[in-house]
Amino acid sequence: MEPPFYIIRWSGSFRQEDGIVSNMLCRLGTKKEVERYAEEMAEKNNVTVEAIV
């Protein structure tokens, strides 16, 4: 069974959708959904995905 949430860490900080500036985020969803979101945000904000745990 997959965990209900994942923690994403990017290579640099940027303004998240909720207005908080950070390089980490906790996200609900399946591993595939979270990976897709992490990559989209990385591309949009010119950073790379460092880890998803």
Protein backbone atom coordinates (compact mmCIF):
# COMPACT_ATOMS: atom_id res chain seq x y z
CA MET A 1 0.00 0.00 0.00
CA GLU A 2 1.29 3.45 -0.94
CA PRO A 3 1.63 6.16 1.70
CA PRO A 4 -1.19 8.74 1.59
CA PHE A 5 1.27 11.63 1.15
CA TYR A 6 4.79 12.40 -0.07
CA ILE A 7 7.34 15.09 0.74
CA ILE A 8 8.89 16.81 -2.28
CA ARG A 9 12.22 18.65 -2.13
CA TRP A 10 13.41 20.91 -4.95
CA SER A 11 16.90 22.33 -5.59
CA GLY A 12 15.81 25.88 -4.75
CA SER A 13 13.05 27.86 -3.10
CA PHE A 14 10.12 29.38 -4.95
CA ARG A 15 6.65 30.71 -4.16
CA GLN A 16 4.25 27.80 -3.73
CA GLU A 17 0.58 27.96 -4.77
CA ASP A 18 -0.41 28.94 -1.21
CA GLY A 19 2.06 31.88 -1.20
CA ILE A 20 4.70 30.30 1.04
CA VAL A 21 8.30 30.47 -0.23
CA SER A 22 9.98 27.11 0.32
CA ASN A 23 11.96 24.33 -1.34
CA MET A 24 9.86 21.55 0.30
CA LEU A 25 6.19 20.59 0.16
CA CYS A 26 3.95 17.83 1.50
CA ARG A 27 1.54 16.57 -1.18
CA LEU A 28 -1.33 14.07 -1.11
CA GLY A 29 -1.80 11.63 -3.98
CA THR A 30 -0.32 8.60 -5.63
CA LYS A 31 3.40 8.41 -6.36
CA LYS A 32 2.76 9.08 -10.07
CA GLU A 33 0.55 12.12 -9.36
CA VAL A 34 3.10 13.58 -6.95
CA GLU A 35 5.99 12.98 -9.37
CA ARG A 36 4.04 14.66 -12.17
CA TYR A 37 3.24 17.68 -9.96
CA ALA A 38 6.86 17.94 -8.74
CA GLU A 39 8.23 17.93 -12.29
CA GLU A 40 5.67 20.50 -13.50
CA MET A 41 6.51 22.86 -10.62
CA ALA A 42 10.25 22.33 -11.17
CA GLU A 43 9.98 23.21 -14.84
CA LYS A 44 7.76 26.21 -14.16
CA ASN A 45 10.12 27.60 -11.48
CA ASN A 46 13.49 26.73 -13.05
CA VAL A 47 14.57 24.27 -10.32
CA THR A 48 15.08 20.50 -10.21
CA VAL A 49 13.41 17.81 -8.13
CA GLU A 50 15.93 16.63 -5.54
CA ALA A 51 13.86 14.01 -3.70
CA ILE A 52 10.39 12.60 -3.23
CA VAL A 53 9.94 10.57 -0.04
